[in-house]
Structures are given as C-alpha cells and as structure tokens.
Amino acid sequence: MVTIENLHKKFGKHQVLSGLNLTITEGGIFAVLGPNGSGKTTLIKSILGMVIPNKGNISVLGEDVKKNPDYRHKIDYLPQIANFPSNLKVKELIKMIKDLRKYTNEDERLIKLFKLEPFLDKKLGNLSGGTKQKVNLVLTFMFDSPLIILDEPTTGLDPISLIRLKDLIQTEKAKGKTILITSHIMGFVEEVSDEIVFLLEGKIYFKGTISKLKTQTNQPDFEHAIASILTDNHA
C-alpha cells in the first residue's frame, strides 16, 4: 500500500527525516505517533506529495509518487487544520468538493451522522471549531478511496461525535481500506489502531502492535510505554 525507502528531508539546517524506511500493508488502521518535531506531519505530507523529500523513494498503491500524481485521487485526506473559505456556506463547500472530485451521495448520510443539517446554510466563518471539524470529516469520508489519511481527527469533537468517528473508521476498515492516523490522544489511538509507528528524531523507533510495545518497554499500559520511550531518549 505505502512503501518508503531511505527518506530524507531538511528544512534549512534542520534535519526532519533521516533515512526513514517504512512499509504499510494493505488493510488496517495504523497510527503514526511521536513527540512534536519528530517528523509526523512531514512524513504524511511527503506521502501526499505536498512535501518533496531531499532523498529517498515513496510508492503509494504501486505508483512512484514522483512519476505519477494520479495516485492522489485514491487518497482521502483530513488535514489537521480546516482552513475553509469563511464566506462560503457549508452546503456550497460540500457541493464544490463533490464537483471537483467524482459524484457521491455519501455526503447526505454523513451530514445526518454528524447532525450537520442545521448548519448547511451557515457560513463557514461563523462555525465553531468542533462544527468545522465535522464538516472536515464529511468532506474526507464522502468518497470511496482505498487509502484514508487522518491528521488529528478528534480535534474539537464532542463525545458523541467522537463515538461516531470511531464507528466510521471501523466501517471503512471492514471494507478493506488502509487508514493512517496521527493523534496525541493515546486513548483514541489504543482503541482504534491495529499497529503504531513511533517516530523519534526523524526515524522509526518502533513499529508493531501496542501489546508488543508494552512488552518491549516492560510497562503496564500504553501511556506509560510511550512515556518510557521519551524518558529513555531524553535522559
């Protein structure tokens, strides 16, 4: 599904990714974790073609990302910050995105799922952060792509919407899709992930199941296992 070989990326003098190698197989939920500055966003944006690496190769769905940008049509992406045109109404934005991509009726189901009907005629600039995130989720899940990338998807969500998001992720997984998630919410990661990828200083420190991580760090729970990694590497 996603293969990354010897990926390097510098911003000025700052080395963000340092020879990163990663293979993500088809189907399942993978969480990309790491402290701030570990390279999570740079990795995600490199997969999306939004950041050009200094060195290394990336293939997505069998396509070399440098040679054929068409692979992006097979990815649904939820950005961490939803920067929508503030003067557009919610229904206008949804229609615009539908027109840009292929036609879908899934938006109607998702609007009902996240209870967005009262907001369809409201301008995006007047919405709360949580409501914008629900719009963000509708735009992401209303297409049927084999790879879904969710950057901090829980931001601003109320508890009921969070439950609906978890159910939605599991439904997409059941269809055989591959889902990449970044999140700082360890409880959410533990609940939905099949495997985690932990980045530290631009390299893969750990890849595997959460139970394997707990065994490897000799810690009783996920949060202590993550804390153990960070403590050991900043001692």
Protein backbone atom coordinates (compact mmCIF):
# COMPACT_ATOMS: atom_id res chain seq x y z
CA MET A 1 0.00 0.00 0.00
CA VAL A 2 2.69 2.51 1.08
CA THR A 3 6.43 1.85 0.76
CA ILE A 4 9.03 4.39 1.89
CA GLU A 5 12.76 3.87 1.38
CA ASN A 6 15.62 5.95 2.81
CA LEU A 7 13.56 9.13 3.12
CA HIS A 8 15.46 12.31 3.99
CA LYS A 9 14.06 15.81 4.40
CA LYS A 10 15.71 19.00 5.65
CA PHE A 11 14.14 22.40 6.19
CA GLY A 12 17.12 24.75 6.14
CA LYS A 13 19.65 23.26 8.54
CA HIS A 14 17.03 21.24 10.40
CA GLN A 15 17.01 17.54 9.52
CA VAL A 16 13.40 16.38 9.93
CA LEU A 17 13.51 12.90 8.34
CA SER A 18 16.74 10.89 8.50
CA GLY A 19 16.80 7.81 6.28
CA LEU A 20 13.29 6.71 7.22
CA ASN A 21 12.12 3.28 5.98
CA LEU A 22 8.51 2.17 6.34
CA THR A 23 6.15 -0.35 4.77
CA ILE A 24 2.42 -0.17 5.45
CA THR A 25 0.48 -3.14 4.18
CA GLU A 26 -2.99 -3.03 2.68
CA GLY A 27 -5.92 -3.01 5.09
CA GLY A 28 -5.93 -1.94 8.73
CA ILE A 29 -5.51 1.10 10.93
CA PHE A 30 -2.02 2.48 11.53
CA ALA A 31 -1.28 5.32 13.95
CA VAL A 32 1.78 7.49 13.34
CA LEU A 33 2.95 8.80 16.69
CA GLY A 34 5.85 10.80 18.08
CA PRO A 35 6.67 13.98 20.00
CA ASN A 36 6.39 17.41 18.40
CA GLY A 37 9.10 17.83 15.80
CA SER A 38 9.56 14.09 15.25
CA GLY A 39 8.59 14.32 11.57
CA LYS A 40 4.97 13.05 11.62
CA THR A 41 3.47 15.86 9.54
CA THR A 42 6.43 15.89 7.15
CA LEU A 43 6.04 12.14 6.61
CA ILE A 44 2.29 12.47 5.94
CA LYS A 45 2.79 15.40 3.57
CA SER A 46 5.55 13.52 1.75
CA ILE A 47 3.15 10.62 1.14
CA LEU A 48 0.60 13.14 -0.18
CA GLY A 49 3.16 14.83 -2.44
CA MET A 50 2.81 18.12 -0.56
CA VAL A 51 6.44 17.97 0.62
CA ILE A 52 9.27 17.00 -1.76
CA PRO A 53 11.95 14.91 0.03
CA ASN A 54 15.65 15.66 -0.47
CA LYS A 55 16.36 11.96 -0.94
CA GLY A 56 14.54 8.62 -0.98
CA ASN A 57 11.60 6.94 -2.68
CA ILE A 58 7.89 6.69 -1.91
CA SER A 59 5.37 4.46 -3.66
CA VAL A 60 1.65 4.55 -2.90
CA LEU A 61 -0.70 1.90 -4.32
CA GLY A 62 2.13 0.73 -6.56
CA GLU A 63 2.77 4.19 -8.03
CA ASP A 64 6.03 6.12 -7.64
CA VAL A 65 4.83 9.45 -6.24
CA LYS A 66 7.47 11.37 -8.24
CA LYS A 67 6.35 9.95 -11.58
CA ASN A 68 2.56 9.89 -11.44
CA PRO A 69 0.48 12.31 -9.33
CA ASP A 70 -2.73 10.46 -10.23
CA TYR A 71 -2.32 8.26 -7.13
CA ARG A 72 -3.62 11.20 -5.06
CA HIS A 73 -7.13 10.59 -6.43
CA LYS A 74 -7.10 7.33 -4.46
CA ILE A 75 -6.45 9.07 -1.12
CA ASP A 76 -8.94 10.76 1.19
CA TYR A 77 -7.14 13.28 3.44
CA LEU A 78 -8.29 15.07 6.56
CA PRO A 79 -5.91 17.95 7.34
CA GLN A 80 -5.18 18.90 10.94
CA ILE A 81 -6.47 22.45 10.46
CA ALA A 82 -9.58 23.02 8.36
CA ASN A 83 -8.88 26.29 6.53
CA PHE A 84 -12.18 26.79 4.73
CA PRO A 85 -13.23 29.93 2.79
CA SER A 86 -15.10 31.82 5.52
CA ASN A 87 -17.68 33.39 3.16
CA LEU A 88 -18.88 30.03 1.75
CA LYS A 89 -21.87 28.23 3.19
CA VAL A 90 -21.40 24.64 4.37
CA LYS A 91 -23.61 23.24 1.59
CA GLU A 92 -21.72 25.30 -1.02
CA LEU A 93 -18.37 23.90 0.11
CA ILE A 94 -19.66 20.31 0.04
CA LYS A 95 -21.07 20.81 -3.47
CA MET A 96 -17.81 22.39 -4.66
CA ILE A 97 -15.73 19.44 -3.41
CA LYS A 98 -18.19 16.97 -4.96
CA ASP A 99 -17.88 18.79 -8.30
CA LEU A 100 -14.07 18.75 -8.12
CA ARG A 101 -13.97 15.02 -7.48
CA LYS A 102 -16.35 12.27 -8.56
CA TYR A 103 -20.02 12.38 -7.71
CA THR A 104 -21.09 10.82 -4.41
CA ASN A 105 -24.26 10.55 -2.36
CA GLU A 106 -22.37 9.64 0.82
CA ASP A 107 -22.39 13.28 1.94
CA GLU A 108 -26.10 13.03 2.78
CA ARG A 109 -25.52 10.06 5.12
CA LEU A 110 -22.54 11.74 6.77
CA ILE A 111 -24.37 15.04 7.26
CA LYS A 112 -27.06 13.13 9.16
CA LEU A 113 -24.46 11.11 11.09
CA PHE A 114 -22.74 14.25 12.42
CA LYS A 115 -26.03 16.21 12.80
CA LEU A 116 -24.96 18.98 10.42
CA GLU A 117 -28.39 19.71 8.90
CA PRO A 118 -28.90 22.94 10.96
CA PHE A 119 -25.56 24.30 9.71
CA LEU A 120 -25.86 23.73 5.94
CA ASP A 121 -26.96 27.32 5.24
CA LYS A 122 -24.46 28.88 7.66
CA LYS A 123 -21.20 30.45 6.53
CA LEU A 124 -18.07 28.51 7.44
CA GLY A 125 -16.54 31.58 9.08
CA ASN A 126 -19.34 31.60 11.67
CA LEU A 127 -18.94 27.97 12.77
CA SER A 128 -17.28 26.72 15.96
CA GLY A 129 -14.07 24.69 15.72
CA GLY A 130 -15.91 21.46 16.51
CA THR A 131 -18.54 22.03 13.80
CA LYS A 132 -15.81 22.84 11.25
CA GLN A 133 -14.17 19.55 12.16
CA LYS A 134 -17.42 17.70 11.46
CA VAL A 135 -17.57 19.38 8.03
CA ASN A 136 -13.94 18.32 7.57
CA LEU A 137 -14.90 14.71 8.34
CA VAL A 138 -17.82 14.77 5.87
CA LEU A 139 -15.50 16.03 3.11
CA THR A 140 -12.98 13.28 3.90
CA PHE A 141 -15.27 10.26 4.19
CA MET A 142 -17.76 11.04 1.42
CA PHE A 143 -15.52 9.48 -1.25
CA ASP A 144 -14.61 5.81 -1.58
CA SER A 145 -10.79 5.75 -1.69
CA PRO A 146 -8.60 2.79 -0.63
CA LEU A 147 -6.27 4.96 1.49
CA ILE A 148 -7.52 7.40 4.16
CA ILE A 149 -5.14 9.76 6.00
CA LEU A 150 -6.47 11.46 9.13
CA ASP A 151 -4.30 14.13 10.77
CA GLU A 152 -5.54 14.71 14.36
CA PRO A 153 -9.15 13.74 13.50
CA THR A 154 -10.53 14.09 17.05
CA THR A 155 -9.77 17.81 17.38
CA GLY A 156 -12.74 19.73 18.79
CA LEU A 157 -15.18 16.80 18.67
CA ASP A 158 -17.80 16.30 21.38
CA PRO A 159 -18.07 12.79 22.94
CA ILE A 160 -20.98 11.67 20.74
CA SER A 161 -19.25 12.78 17.53
CA LEU A 162 -16.09 11.02 18.70
CA ILE A 163 -18.02 7.74 19.07
CA ARG A 164 -19.46 8.22 15.56
CA LEU A 165 -15.97 8.87 14.18
CA LYS A 166 -14.65 5.65 15.75
CA ASP A 167 -17.55 3.68 14.25
CA LEU A 168 -16.92 5.30 10.86
CA ILE A 169 -13.23 4.36 10.95
CA GLN A 170 -14.08 0.75 11.82
CA THR A 171 -16.65 0.63 9.00
CA GLU A 172 -14.04 1.79 6.48
CA LYS A 173 -11.53 -0.74 7.82
CA ALA A 174 -14.13 -3.50 7.35
CA LYS A 175 -14.21 -2.57 3.64
CA GLY A 176 -10.51 -3.47 3.43
CA LYS A 177 -9.23 0.11 3.43
CA THR A 178 -5.94 1.33 4.85
CA ILE A 179 -6.22 4.16 7.37
CA LEU A 180 -3.30 6.27 8.60
CA ILE A 181 -3.93 8.37 11.71
CA THR A 182 -1.88 10.89 13.64
CA SER A 183 -3.15 11.76 17.11
CA HIS A 184 -1.99 12.99 20.50
CA ILE A 185 -4.94 11.26 22.20
CA MET A 186 -3.48 7.98 23.42
CA GLY A 187 -6.84 6.50 24.46
CA PHE A 188 -8.21 7.04 20.95
CA VAL A 189 -5.09 5.53 19.36
CA GLU A 190 -5.24 2.48 21.62
CA GLU A 191 -8.91 1.92 20.87
CA VAL A 192 -8.77 2.08 17.06
CA SER A 193 -5.24 1.12 15.96
CA ASP A 194 -4.05 -2.26 14.70
CA GLU A 195 -0.43 -1.08 14.71
CA ILE A 196 1.50 2.01 15.66
CA VAL A 197 4.54 3.62 14.07
CA PHE A 198 6.53 5.69 16.56
CA LEU A 199 8.83 8.36 15.14
CA LEU A 200 11.74 9.81 17.04
CA GLU A 201 14.13 12.37 15.58
CA GLY A 202 13.08 11.58 12.02
CA LYS A 203 13.48 7.80 12.24
CA ILE A 204 11.21 4.84 13.01
CA TYR A 205 11.82 3.95 16.64
CA PHE A 206 9.10 1.29 16.83
CA LYS A 207 6.58 -0.39 14.51
CA GLY A 208 4.14 -3.01 15.72
CA THR A 209 1.14 -3.66 17.95
CA ILE A 210 0.53 -1.82 21.21
CA SER A 211 0.81 -5.07 23.16
CA LYS A 212 4.25 -5.64 21.62
CA LEU A 213 5.28 -2.11 22.66
CA LYS A 214 4.13 -2.71 26.25
CA THR A 215 6.12 -5.94 26.37
CA GLN A 216 9.20 -4.31 24.84
CA THR A 217 9.14 -1.39 27.29
CA ASN A 218 8.02 -3.59 30.23
CA GLN A 219 5.19 -1.17 31.01
CA PRO A 220 1.63 -1.98 32.20
CA ASP A 221 -0.24 0.33 29.82
CA PHE A 222 0.11 2.23 26.56
CA GLU A 223 0.64 5.71 28.01
CA HIS A 224 3.44 4.50 30.30
CA ALA A 225 5.04 2.67 27.37
CA ILE A 226 5.12 5.89 25.32
CA ALA A 227 6.40 7.86 28.32
CA SER A 228 9.12 5.24 28.80
CA ILE A 229 10.37 5.73 25.23
CA LEU A 230 10.51 9.50 25.65
CA THR A 231 12.19 9.30 29.08
CA ASP A 232 14.81 6.81 27.88
CA ASN A 233 15.70 9.02 24.90
CA HIS A 234 15.88 12.27 26.85
CA ALA A 235 17.66 11.00 29.94
